PDB file of all heavy atoms in Angstrom:
ATOM      1  N   ALA A   1      -7.838   2.370   3.458  1.00  0.00           N
ATOM      2  CA  ALA A   1      -7.229   2.896   4.677  1.00  0.00           C
ATOM      3  C   ALA A   1      -7.922   4.204   5.020  1.00  0.00           C
ATOM      4  O   ALA A   1      -8.727   4.724   4.237  1.00  0.00           O
ATOM      5  CB  ALA A   1      -5.731   3.120   4.487  1.00  0.00           C
ATOM      6  N   GLN A   2      -7.587   4.734   6.181  1.00  0.00           N
ATOM      7  CA  GLN A   2      -8.140   6.029   6.551  1.00  0.00           C
ATOM      8  C   GLN A   2      -7.584   7.131   5.654  1.00  0.00           C
ATOM      9  O   GLN A   2      -8.261   8.106   5.343  1.00  0.00           O
ATOM     10  CB  GLN A   2      -7.844   6.324   8.018  1.00  0.00           C
ATOM     11  CG  GLN A   2      -8.534   5.376   8.985  1.00  0.00           C
ATOM     12  CD  GLN A   2      -8.142   5.624  10.429  1.00  0.00           C
ATOM     13  OE1 GLN A   2      -7.461   6.595  10.748  1.00  0.00           O
ATOM     14  NE2 GLN A   2      -8.574   4.746  11.326  1.00  0.00           N
ATOM     15  N   SER A   3      -6.314   6.958   5.241  1.00  0.00           N
ATOM     16  CA  SER A   3      -5.676   7.929   4.357  1.00  0.00           C
ATOM     17  C   SER A   3      -4.784   7.188   3.363  1.00  0.00           C
ATOM     18  O   SER A   3      -4.105   6.233   3.724  1.00  0.00           O
ATOM     19  CB  SER A   3      -4.839   8.924   5.170  1.00  0.00           C
ATOM     20  OG  SER A   3      -4.134   9.810   4.327  1.00  0.00           O
ATOM     21  N   ILE A   4      -4.799   7.637   2.104  1.00  0.00           N
ATOM     22  CA  ILE A   4      -3.964   7.028   1.064  1.00  0.00           C
ATOM     23  C   ILE A   4      -3.257   8.154   0.320  1.00  0.00           C
ATOM     24  O   ILE A   4      -3.895   9.102  -0.150  1.00  0.00           O
ATOM     25  CB  ILE A   4      -4.793   6.207   0.065  1.00  0.00           C
ATOM     26  CG1 ILE A   4      -5.580   5.111   0.792  1.00  0.00           C
ATOM     27  CG2 ILE A   4      -3.895   5.589  -1.001  1.00  0.00           C
ATOM     28  CD1 ILE A   4      -6.538   4.337  -0.116  1.00  0.00           C
ATOM     29  N   THR A   5      -1.925   8.045   0.211  1.00  0.00           N
ATOM     30  CA  THR A   5      -1.137   9.021  -0.535  1.00  0.00           C
ATOM     31  C   THR A   5      -0.512   8.346  -1.742  1.00  0.00           C
ATOM     32  O   THR A   5       0.154   7.325  -1.615  1.00  0.00           O
ATOM     33  CB  THR A   5      -0.027   9.630   0.341  1.00  0.00           C
ATOM     34  OG1 THR A   5      -0.630  10.312   1.456  1.00  0.00           O
ATOM     35  CG2 THR A   5       0.806  10.630  -0.454  1.00  0.00           C
ATOM     36  N   TYR A   6      -0.723   8.929  -2.898  1.00  0.00           N
ATOM     37  CA  TYR A   6      -0.228   8.384  -4.156  1.00  0.00           C
ATOM     38  C   TYR A   6       0.814   9.350  -4.708  1.00  0.00           C
ATOM     39  O   TYR A   6       0.499  10.478  -5.079  1.00  0.00           O
ATOM     40  CB  TYR A   6      -1.400   8.229  -5.122  1.00  0.00           C
ATOM     41  CG  TYR A   6      -1.145   7.402  -6.363  1.00  0.00           C
ATOM     42  CD1 TYR A   6      -2.185   6.764  -7.010  1.00  0.00           C
ATOM     43  CD2 TYR A   6       0.126   7.268  -6.911  1.00  0.00           C
ATOM     44  CE1 TYR A   6      -1.991   6.010  -8.156  1.00  0.00           C
ATOM     45  CE2 TYR A   6       0.349   6.524  -8.050  1.00  0.00           C
ATOM     46  CZ  TYR A   6      -0.708   5.899  -8.671  1.00  0.00           C
ATOM     47  OH  TYR A   6      -0.499   5.162  -9.813  1.00  0.00           O
ATOM     48  N   ASP A   7       2.074   8.904  -4.769  1.00  0.00           N
ATOM     49  CA  ASP A   7       3.167   9.687  -5.351  1.00  0.00           C
ATOM     50  C   ASP A   7       3.373   9.201  -6.778  1.00  0.00           C
ATOM     51  O   ASP A   7       3.880   8.107  -7.000  1.00  0.00           O
ATOM     52  CB  ASP A   7       4.434   9.514  -4.521  1.00  0.00           C
ATOM     53  CG  ASP A   7       5.615  10.295  -5.080  1.00  0.00           C
ATOM     54  OD1 ASP A   7       5.471  10.932  -6.138  1.00  0.00           O
ATOM     55  OD2 ASP A   7       6.690  10.265  -4.454  1.00  0.00           O
ATOM     56  N   LEU A   8       2.987  10.022  -7.742  1.00  0.00           N
ATOM     57  CA  LEU A   8       3.017   9.572  -9.131  1.00  0.00           C
ATOM     58  C   LEU A   8       4.427   9.339  -9.641  1.00  0.00           C
ATOM     59  O   LEU A   8       4.680   8.399 -10.391  1.00  0.00           O
ATOM     60  CB  LEU A   8       2.309  10.577 -10.029  1.00  0.00           C
ATOM     61  CG  LEU A   8       0.787  10.443 -10.117  1.00  0.00           C
ATOM     62  CD1 LEU A   8       0.127  10.882  -8.826  1.00  0.00           C
ATOM     63  CD2 LEU A   8       0.237  11.241 -11.283  1.00  0.00           C
ATOM     64  N   ALA A   9       5.361  10.187  -9.244  1.00  0.00           N
ATOM     65  CA  ALA A   9       6.725  10.076  -9.757  1.00  0.00           C
ATOM     66  C   ALA A   9       7.367   8.762  -9.342  1.00  0.00           C
ATOM     67  O   ALA A   9       8.034   8.092 -10.137  1.00  0.00           O
ATOM     68  CB  ALA A   9       7.567  11.254  -9.274  1.00  0.00           C
ATOM     69  N   GLY A  10       7.170   8.362  -8.104  1.00  0.00           N
ATOM     70  CA  GLY A  10       7.789   7.130  -7.613  1.00  0.00           C
ATOM     71  C   GLY A  10       6.902   5.910  -7.710  1.00  0.00           C
ATOM     72  O   GLY A  10       7.342   4.794  -7.419  1.00  0.00           O
ATOM     73  N   GLY A  11       5.633   6.104  -8.111  1.00  0.00           N
ATOM     74  CA  GLY A  11       4.714   4.983  -8.207  1.00  0.00           C
ATOM     75  C   GLY A  11       4.376   4.366  -6.865  1.00  0.00           C
ATOM     76  O   GLY A  11       3.989   3.206  -6.778  1.00  0.00           O
ATOM     77  N   GLU A  12       4.496   5.161  -5.788  1.00  0.00           N
ATOM     78  CA  GLU A  12       4.286   4.634  -4.434  1.00  0.00           C
ATOM     79  C   GLU A  12       2.907   4.999  -3.918  1.00  0.00           C
ATOM     80  O   GLU A  12       2.488   6.153  -3.980  1.00  0.00           O
ATOM     81  CB  GLU A  12       5.357   5.182  -3.488  1.00  0.00           C
ATOM     82  CG  GLU A  12       5.244   4.657  -2.069  1.00  0.00           C
ATOM     83  CD  GLU A  12       6.332   5.211  -1.165  1.00  0.00           C
ATOM     84  OE1 GLU A  12       7.465   4.700  -1.217  1.00  0.00           O
ATOM     85  OE2 GLU A  12       6.052   6.170  -0.415  1.00  0.00           O
ATOM     86  N   VAL A  13       2.203   3.999  -3.394  1.00  0.00           N
ATOM     87  CA  VAL A  13       0.896   4.194  -2.773  1.00  0.00           C
ATOM     88  C   VAL A  13       1.044   3.839  -1.296  1.00  0.00           C
ATOM     89  O   VAL A  13       1.349   2.694  -0.955  1.00  0.00           O
ATOM     90  CB  VAL A  13      -0.187   3.318  -3.428  1.00  0.00           C
ATOM     91  CG1 VAL A  13      -1.553   3.638  -2.821  1.00  0.00           C
ATOM     92  CG2 VAL A  13      -0.213   3.534  -4.938  1.00  0.00           C
ATOM     93  N   ARG A  14       0.840   4.818  -0.417  1.00  0.00           N
ATOM     94  CA  ARG A  14       1.010   4.602   1.023  1.00  0.00           C
ATOM     95  C   ARG A  14      -0.369   4.605   1.695  1.00  0.00           C
ATOM     96  O   ARG A  14      -1.108   5.596   1.646  1.00  0.00           O
ATOM     97  CB  ARG A  14       1.892   5.686   1.631  1.00  0.00           C
ATOM     98  CG  ARG A  14       2.082   5.583   3.149  1.00  0.00           C
ATOM     99  CD  ARG A  14       3.032   6.638   3.659  1.00  0.00           C
ATOM    100  NE  ARG A  14       4.395   6.354   3.214  1.00  0.00           N
ATOM    101  CZ  ARG A  14       5.297   5.692   3.933  1.00  0.00           C
ATOM    102  NH1 ARG A  14       4.971   5.228   5.133  1.00  0.00           N
ATOM    103  NH2 ARG A  14       6.513   5.505   3.462  1.00  0.00           N
ATOM    104  N   PHE A  15      -0.709   3.476   2.330  1.00  0.00           N
ATOM    105  CA  PHE A  15      -1.967   3.326   3.061  1.00  0.00           C
ATOM    106  C   PHE A  15      -1.684   3.538   4.552  1.00  0.00           C
ATOM    107  O   PHE A  15      -0.828   2.858   5.125  1.00  0.00           O
ATOM    108  CB  PHE A  15      -2.541   1.919   2.861  1.00  0.00           C
ATOM    109  CG  PHE A  15      -2.801   1.555   1.419  1.00  0.00           C
ATOM    110  CD1 PHE A  15      -1.770   1.134   0.592  1.00  0.00           C
ATOM    111  CD2 PHE A  15      -4.080   1.618   0.892  1.00  0.00           C
ATOM    112  CE1 PHE A  15      -2.003   0.785  -0.734  1.00  0.00           C
ATOM    113  CE2 PHE A  15      -4.329   1.280  -0.431  1.00  0.00           C
ATOM    114  CZ  PHE A  15      -3.282   0.860  -1.244  1.00  0.00           C
ATOM    115  N   THR A  16      -2.419   4.440   5.188  1.00  0.00           N
ATOM    116  CA  THR A  16      -2.165   4.763   6.591  1.00  0.00           C
ATOM    117  C   THR A  16      -3.461   4.733   7.392  1.00  0.00           C
ATOM    118  O   THR A  16      -4.454   5.350   6.998  1.00  0.00           O
ATOM    119  CB  THR A  16      -1.533   6.166   6.722  1.00  0.00           C
ATOM    120  OG1 THR A  16      -0.349   6.242   5.924  1.00  0.00           O
ATOM    121  CG2 THR A  16      -1.170   6.459   8.176  1.00  0.00           C
ATOM    122  N   GLY A  17      -3.442   4.012   8.511  1.00  0.00           N
ATOM    123  CA  GLY A  17      -4.598   3.918   9.391  1.00  0.00           C
ATOM    124  C   GLY A  17      -5.533   2.796   8.995  1.00  0.00           C
ATOM    125  O   GLY A  17      -6.258   2.917   8.019  1.00  0.00           O
ATOM    126  N   ASP A  18      -5.503   1.695   9.752  1.00  0.00           N
ATOM    127  CA  ASP A  18      -6.332   0.522   9.430  1.00  0.00           C
ATOM    128  C   ASP A  18      -6.158   0.119   7.973  1.00  0.00           C
ATOM    129  O   ASP A  18      -7.128  -0.103   7.236  1.00  0.00           O
ATOM    130  CB  ASP A  18      -7.807   0.804   9.721  1.00  0.00           C
ATOM    131  CG  ASP A  18      -8.081   1.036  11.192  1.00  0.00           C
ATOM    132  OD1 ASP A  18      -7.406   0.387  12.019  1.00  0.00           O
ATOM    133  OD2 ASP A  18      -8.952   1.857  11.524  1.00  0.00           O
ATOM    134  N   ALA A  19      -4.911   0.017   7.556  1.00  0.00           N
ATOM    135  CA  ALA A  19      -4.609  -0.266   6.152  1.00  0.00           C
ATOM    136  C   ALA A  19      -4.863  -1.727   5.809  1.00  0.00           C
ATOM    137  O   ALA A  19      -4.594  -2.629   6.607  1.00  0.00           O
ATOM    138  CB  ALA A  19      -3.158   0.094   5.857  1.00  0.00           C
ATOM    139  N   TRP A  20      -5.363  -1.934   4.610  1.00  0.00           N
ATOM    140  CA  TRP A  20      -5.622  -3.287   4.099  1.00  0.00           C
ATOM    141  C   TRP A  20      -5.324  -3.303   2.612  1.00  0.00           C
ATOM    142  O   TRP A  20      -5.681  -2.375   1.886  1.00  0.00           O
ATOM    143  CB  TRP A  20      -7.072  -3.682   4.352  1.00  0.00           C
ATOM    144  CG  TRP A  20      -7.459  -5.026   3.786  1.00  0.00           C
ATOM    145  CD1 TRP A  20      -7.256  -6.253   4.350  1.00  0.00           C
ATOM    146  CD2 TRP A  20      -8.130  -5.262   2.540  1.00  0.00           C
ATOM    147  NE1 TRP A  20      -7.759  -7.238   3.534  1.00  0.00           N
ATOM    148  CE2 TRP A  20      -8.297  -6.665   2.413  1.00  0.00           C
ATOM    149  CE3 TRP A  20      -8.594  -4.431   1.528  1.00  0.00           C
ATOM    150  CZ2 TRP A  20      -8.919  -7.241   1.320  1.00  0.00           C
ATOM    151  CZ3 TRP A  20      -9.214  -5.005   0.422  1.00  0.00           C
ATOM    152  CH2 TRP A  20      -9.372  -6.403   0.339  1.00  0.00           C
ATOM    153  N   LEU A  21      -4.634  -4.357   2.158  1.00  0.00           N
ATOM    154  CA  LEU A  21      -4.271  -4.483   0.744  1.00  0.00           C
ATOM    155  C   LEU A  21      -4.405  -5.936   0.323  1.00  0.00           C
ATOM    156  O   LEU A  21      -3.999  -6.849   1.052  1.00  0.00           O
ATOM    157  CB  LEU A  21      -2.831  -4.005   0.523  1.00  0.00           C
ATOM    158  CG  LEU A  21      -2.309  -4.028  -0.921  1.00  0.00           C
ATOM    159  CD1 LEU A  21      -3.039  -3.000  -1.773  1.00  0.00           C
ATOM    160  CD2 LEU A  21      -0.803  -3.748  -0.942  1.00  0.00           C
ATOM    161  N   SER A  22      -4.954  -6.161  -0.859  1.00  0.00           N
ATOM    162  CA  SER A  22      -5.148  -7.528  -1.336  1.00  0.00           C
ATOM    163  C   SER A  22      -5.027  -7.587  -2.846  1.00  0.00           C
ATOM    164  O   SER A  22      -5.379  -6.631  -3.550  1.00  0.00           O
ATOM    165  CB  SER A  22      -6.534  -8.039  -0.917  1.00  0.00           C
ATOM    166  OG  SER A  22      -6.815  -9.297  -1.523  1.00  0.00           O
ATOM    167  N   ASN A  23      -4.513  -8.729  -3.351  1.00  0.00           N
ATOM    168  CA  ASN A  23      -4.558  -9.001  -4.784  1.00  0.00           C
ATOM    169  C   ASN A  23      -5.510 -10.152  -5.081  1.00  0.00           C
ATOM    170  O   ASN A  23      -5.509 -10.711  -6.169  1.00  0.00           O
ATOM    171  CB  ASN A  23      -3.162  -9.295  -5.335  1.00  0.00           C
ATOM    172  CG  ASN A  23      -2.602 -10.614  -4.828  1.00  0.00           C
ATOM    173  OD1 ASN A  23      -3.157 -11.231  -3.918  1.00  0.00           O
ATOM    174  ND2 ASN A  23      -1.496 -11.047  -5.400  1.00  0.00           N
ATOM    175  N   GLY A  24      -6.337 -10.502  -4.100  1.00  0.00           N
ATOM    176  CA  GLY A  24      -7.285 -11.590  -4.268  1.00  0.00           C
ATOM    177  C   GLY A  24      -6.794 -12.891  -3.682  1.00  0.00           C
ATOM    178  O   GLY A  24      -7.585 -13.709  -3.220  1.00  0.00           O
ATOM    179  N   CYS A  25      -5.476 -13.110  -3.695  1.00  0.00           N
ATOM    180  CA  CYS A  25      -4.896 -14.332  -3.145  1.00  0.00           C
ATOM    181  C   CYS A  25      -4.142 -14.069  -1.851  1.00  0.00           C
ATOM    182  O   CYS A  25      -4.033 -14.943  -1.002  1.00  0.00           O
ATOM    183  CB  CYS A  25      -3.945 -14.973  -4.150  1.00  0.00           C
ATOM    184  SG  CYS A  25      -4.769 -15.500  -5.665  1.00  0.00           S
ATOM    185  N   THR A  26      -3.590 -12.884  -1.734  1.00  0.00           N
ATOM    186  CA  THR A  26      -2.855 -12.497  -0.534  1.00  0.00           C
ATOM    187  C   THR A  26      -3.465 -11.232   0.029  1.00  0.00           C
ATOM    188  O   THR A  26      -3.708 -10.276  -0.710  1.00  0.00           O
ATOM    189  CB  THR A  26      -1.367 -12.239  -0.852  1.00  0.00           C
ATOM    190  OG1 THR A  26      -0.787 -13.415  -1.394  1.00  0.00           O
ATOM    191  CG2 THR A  26      -0.608 -11.841   0.404  1.00  0.00           C
ATOM    192  N   GLU A  27      -3.750 -11.240   1.323  1.00  0.00           N
ATOM    193  CA  GLU A  27      -4.289 -10.077   1.999  1.00  0.00           C
ATOM    194  C   GLU A  27      -3.351  -9.672   3.130  1.00  0.00           C
ATOM    195  O   GLU A  27      -2.867 -10.526   3.870  1.00  0.00           O
ATOM    196  CB  GLU A  27      -5.675 -10.369   2.572  1.00  0.00           C
ATOM    197  CG  GLU A  27      -6.722 -10.726   1.530  1.00  0.00           C
ATOM    198  CD  GLU A  27      -8.081 -11.023   2.152  1.00  0.00           C
ATOM    199  OE1 GLU A  27      -8.232 -10.749   3.369  1.00  0.00           O
ATOM    200  OE2 GLU A  27      -8.968 -11.517   1.447  1.00  0.00           O
ATOM    201  N   LEU A  28      -3.104  -8.395   3.260  1.00  0.00           N
ATOM    202  CA  LEU A  28      -2.282  -7.861   4.331  1.00  0.00           C
ATOM    203  C   LEU A  28      -3.050  -6.763   5.052  1.00  0.00           C
ATOM    204  O   LEU A  28      -3.750  -5.968   4.415  1.00  0.00           O
ATOM    205  CB  LEU A  28      -0.978  -7.276   3.784  1.00  0.00           C
ATOM    206  CG  LEU A  28      -0.020  -8.224   3.069  1.00  0.00           C
ATOM    207  CD1 LEU A  28       1.161  -7.437   2.504  1.00  0.00           C
ATOM    208  CD2 LEU A  28       0.471  -9.310   4.017  1.00  0.00           C
ATOM    209  N   SER A  29      -2.911  -6.706   6.372  1.00  0.00           N
ATOM    210  CA  SER A  29      -3.513  -5.628   7.146  1.00  0.00           C
ATOM    211  C   SER A  29      -2.515  -5.169   8.203  1.00  0.00           C
ATOM    212  O   SER A  29      -1.812  -5.979   8.822  1.00  0.00           O
ATOM    213  CB  SER A  29      -4.822  -6.073   7.801  1.00  0.00           C
ATOM    214  OG  SER A  29      -4.610  -7.188   8.650  1.00  0.00           O
ATOM    215  N   TYR A  30      -2.437  -3.864   8.366  1.00  0.00           N
ATOM    216  CA  TYR A  30      -1.473  -3.267   9.294  1.00  0.00           C
ATOM    217  C   TYR A  30      -1.832  -1.794   9.419  1.00  0.00           C
ATOM    218  O   TYR A  30      -2.707  -1.285   8.700  1.00  0.00           O
ATOM    219  CB  TYR A  30      -0.052  -3.442   8.749  1.00  0.00           C
ATOM    220  CG  TYR A  30       1.065  -3.128   9.726  1.00  0.00           C
ATOM    221  CD1 TYR A  30       1.085  -3.677  11.006  1.00  0.00           C
ATOM    222  CD2 TYR A  30       2.104  -2.279   9.361  1.00  0.00           C
ATOM    223  CE1 TYR A  30       2.119  -3.411  11.888  1.00  0.00           C
ATOM    224  CE2 TYR A  30       3.157  -2.009  10.237  1.00  0.00           C
ATOM    225  CZ  TYR A  30       3.149  -2.575  11.507  1.00  0.00           C
ATOM    226  OH  TYR A  30       4.180  -2.307  12.368  1.00  0.00           O
ATOM    227  N   ASP A  31      -1.149  -1.086  10.309  1.00  0.00           N
ATOM    228  CA  ASP A  31      -1.412   0.341  10.441  1.00  0.00           C
ATOM    229  C   ASP A  31      -0.970   1.092   9.188  1.00  0.00           C
ATOM    230  O   ASP A  31      -1.665   1.991   8.704  1.00  0.00           O
ATOM    231  CB  ASP A  31      -0.683   0.909  11.667  1.00  0.00           C
ATOM    232  CG  ASP A  31      -0.931   2.400  11.841  1.00  0.00           C
ATOM    233  OD1 ASP A  31      -2.065   2.767  12.212  1.00  0.00           O
ATOM    234  OD2 ASP A  31      -0.012   3.200  11.584  1.00  0.00           O
ATOM    235  N   THR A  32       0.208   0.725   8.631  1.00  0.00           N
ATOM    236  CA  THR A  32       0.731   1.383   7.435  1.00  0.00           C
ATOM    237  C   THR A  32       1.252   0.331   6.459  1.00  0.00           C
ATOM    238  O   THR A  32       2.026  -0.543   6.841  1.00  0.00           O
ATOM    239  CB  THR A  32       1.874   2.353   7.784  1.00  0.00           C
ATOM    240  OG1 THR A  32       1.391   3.358   8.669  1.00  0.00           O
ATOM    241  CG2 THR A  32       2.419   3.015   6.521  1.00  0.00           C
ATOM    242  N   ILE A  33       0.825   0.428   5.210  1.00  0.00           N
ATOM    243  CA  ILE A  33       1.305  -0.458   4.148  1.00  0.00           C
ATOM    244  C   ILE A  33       1.749   0.416   2.980  1.00  0.00           C
ATOM    245  O   ILE A  33       1.040   1.345   2.582  1.00  0.00           O
ATOM    246  CB  ILE A  33       0.207  -1.432   3.682  1.00  0.00           C
ATOM    247  CG1 ILE A  33      -0.212  -2.358   4.828  1.00  0.00           C
ATOM    248  CG2 ILE A  33       0.694  -2.265   2.495  1.00  0.00           C
ATOM    249  CD1 ILE A  33      -1.384  -3.266   4.479  1.00  0.00           C
ATOM    250  N   VAL A  34       2.927   0.125   2.433  1.00  0.00           N
ATOM    251  CA  VAL A  34       3.447   0.878   1.294  1.00  0.00           C
ATOM    252  C   VAL A  34       3.547  -0.062   0.103  1.00  0.00           C
ATOM    253  O   VAL A  34       4.246  -1.071   0.147  1.00  0.00           O
ATOM    254  CB  VAL A  34       4.830   1.483   1.607  1.00  0.00           C
ATOM    255  CG1 VAL A  34       5.351   2.244   0.389  1.00  0.00           C
ATOM    256  CG2 VAL A  34       4.746   2.409   2.810  1.00  0.00           C
ATOM    257  N   TYR A  35       2.843   0.282  -0.952  1.00  0.00           N
ATOM    258  CA  TYR A  35       2.824  -0.546  -2.162  1.00  0.00           C
ATOM    259  C   TYR A  35       3.444   0.261  -3.295  1.00  0.00           C
ATOM    260  O   TYR A  35       2.949   1.331  -3.646  1.00  0.00           O
ATOM    261  CB  TYR A  35       1.376  -0.931  -2.493  1.00  0.00           C
ATOM    262  CG  TYR A  35       1.203  -1.744  -3.755  1.00  0.00           C
ATOM    263  CD1 TYR A  35       2.152  -2.674  -4.168  1.00  0.00           C
ATOM    264  CD2 TYR A  35       0.060  -1.596  -4.537  1.00  0.00           C
ATOM    265  CE1 TYR A  35       1.978  -3.424  -5.323  1.00  0.00           C
ATOM    266  CE2 TYR A  35      -0.132  -2.344  -5.686  1.00  0.00           C
ATOM    267  CZ  TYR A  35       0.836  -3.254  -6.075  1.00  0.00           C
ATOM    268  OH  TYR A  35       0.656  -3.995  -7.223  1.00  0.00           O
ATOM    269  N   ASN A  36       4.540  -0.238  -3.862  1.00  0.00           N
ATOM    270  CA  ASN A  36       5.193   0.437  -4.981  1.00  0.00           C
ATOM    271  C   ASN A  36       4.825  -0.281  -6.270  1.00  0.00           C
ATOM    272  O   ASN A  36       5.238  -1.425  -6.500  1.00  0.00           O
ATOM    273  CB  ASN A  36       6.709   0.462  -4.791  1.00  0.00           C
ATOM    274  CG  ASN A  36       7.387   1.403  -5.775  1.00  0.00           C
ATOM    275  OD1 ASN A  36       7.292   1.230  -6.985  1.00  0.00           O
ATOM    276  ND2 ASN A  36       8.078   2.402  -5.248  1.00  0.00           N
ATOM    277  N   LEU A  37       4.073   0.388  -7.122  1.00  0.00           N
ATOM    278  CA  LEU A  37       3.593  -0.224  -8.349  1.00  0.00           C
ATOM    279  C   LEU A  37       4.714  -0.437  -9.351  1.00  0.00           C
ATOM    280  O   LEU A  37       4.678  -1.390 -10.135  1.00  0.00           O
ATOM    281  CB  LEU A  37       2.501   0.634  -8.983  1.00  0.00           C
ATOM    282  CG  LEU A  37       1.130   0.639  -8.311  1.00  0.00           C
ATOM    283  CD1 LEU A  37       1.106   1.530  -7.091  1.00  0.00           C
ATOM    284  CD2 LEU A  37       0.053   1.091  -9.275  1.00  0.00           C
ATOM    285  N   LEU A  38       5.705   0.439  -9.368  1.00  0.00           N
ATOM    286  CA  LEU A  38       6.787   0.322 -10.340  1.00  0.00           C
ATOM    287  C   LEU A  38       7.758  -0.793  -9.982  1.00  0.00           C
ATOM    288  O   LEU A  38       8.294  -1.473 -10.856  1.00  0.00           O
ATOM    289  CB  LEU A  38       7.534   1.659 -10.455  1.00  0.00           C
ATOM    290  CG  LEU A  38       6.683   2.866 -10.864  1.00  0.00           C
ATOM    291  CD1 LEU A  38       7.552   4.111 -10.968  1.00  0.00           C
ATOM    292  CD2 LEU A  38       5.961   2.611 -12.182  1.00  0.00           C
ATOM    293  N   GLN A  39       8.000  -0.982  -8.690  1.00  0.00           N
ATOM    294  CA  GLN A  39       8.941  -2.002  -8.239  1.00  0.00           C
ATOM    295  C   GLN A  39       8.271  -3.315  -7.887  1.00  0.00           C
ATOM    296  O   GLN A  39       8.940  -4.294  -7.544  1.00  0.00           O
ATOM    297  CB  GLN A  39       9.717  -1.483  -7.020  1.00  0.00           C
ATOM    298  CG  GLN A  39      10.533  -0.231  -7.298  1.00  0.00           C
ATOM    299  CD  GLN A  39      11.209   0.311  -6.053  1.00  0.00           C
ATOM    300  OE1 GLN A  39      11.148  -0.290  -4.971  1.00  0.00           O
ATOM    301  NE2 GLN A  39      11.864   1.455  -6.185  1.00  0.00           N
ATOM    302  N   ASN A  40       6.928  -3.354  -7.944  1.00  0.00           N
ATOM    303  CA  ASN A  40       6.184  -4.552  -7.556  1.00  0.00           C
ATOM    304  C   ASN A  40       6.556  -5.004  -6.148  1.00  0.00           C
ATOM    305  O   ASN A  40       6.834  -6.180  -5.909  1.00  0.00           O
ATOM    306  CB  ASN A  40       6.435  -5.691  -8.553  1.00  0.00           C
ATOM    307  CG  ASN A  40       5.852  -5.395  -9.919  1.00  0.00           C
ATOM    308  OD1 ASN A  40       4.775  -4.828 -10.024  1.00  0.00           O
ATOM    309  ND2 ASN A  40       6.580  -5.758 -10.960  1.00  0.00           N
ATOM    310  N   SER A  41       6.598  -4.054  -5.217  1.00  0.00           N
ATOM    311  CA  SER A  41       7.008  -4.372  -3.857  1.00  0.00           C
ATOM    312  C   SER A  41       5.967  -3.887  -2.854  1.00  0.00           C
ATOM    313  O   SER A  41       5.268  -2.899  -3.087  1.00  0.00           O
ATOM    314  CB  SER A  41       8.358  -3.732  -3.541  1.00  0.00           C
ATOM    315  OG  SER A  41       8.268  -2.316  -3.562  1.00  0.00           O
ATOM    316  N   VAL A  42       5.865  -4.611  -1.741  1.00  0.00           N
ATOM    317  CA  VAL A  42       4.964  -4.263  -0.651  1.00  0.00           C
ATOM    318  C   VAL A  42       5.758  -4.252   0.640  1.00  0.00           C
ATOM    319  O   VAL A  42       6.553  -5.163   0.899  1.00  0.00           O
ATOM    320  CB  VAL A  42       3.798  -5.269  -0.530  1.00  0.00           C
ATOM    321  CG1 VAL A  42       2.878  -4.891   0.632  1.00  0.00           C
ATOM    322  CG2 VAL A  42       3.009  -5.330  -1.825  1.00  0.00           C
ATOM    323  N   ALA A  43       5.581  -3.212   1.462  1.00  0.00           N
ATOM    324  CA  ALA A  43       6.285  -3.114   2.734  1.00  0.00           C
ATOM    325  C   ALA A  43       5.306  -2.678   3.809  1.00  0.00           C
ATOM    326  O   ALA A  43       4.328  -1.974   3.538  1.00  0.00           O
ATOM    327  CB  ALA A  43       7.445  -2.127   2.642  1.00  0.00           C
ATOM    328  N   ALA A  44       5.574  -3.106   5.040  1.00  0.00           N
ATOM    329  CA  ALA A  44       4.785  -2.708   6.195  1.00  0.00           C
ATOM    330  C   ALA A  44       5.744  -2.101   7.211  1.00  0.00           C
ATOM    331  O   ALA A  44       6.262  -2.799   8.082  1.00  0.00           O
ATOM    332  CB  ALA A  44       4.044  -3.906   6.790  1.00  0.00           C
TER     333      ALA A  44
END
C-alpha cells in the first residue's frame, strides 16, 4: 500500500492507499485493508 501502520500491541496491520493483500489463494484490493494477525481477521 502507499502507507502501512503496524500496531504491535494489537497485532493490527493497516494498509492505506491502493491497498492489496494476498495469502497466495485469496487476493483483496481496496483503498484500506485491516489485517489483524492475532485474530486472523481481515476487514475492508
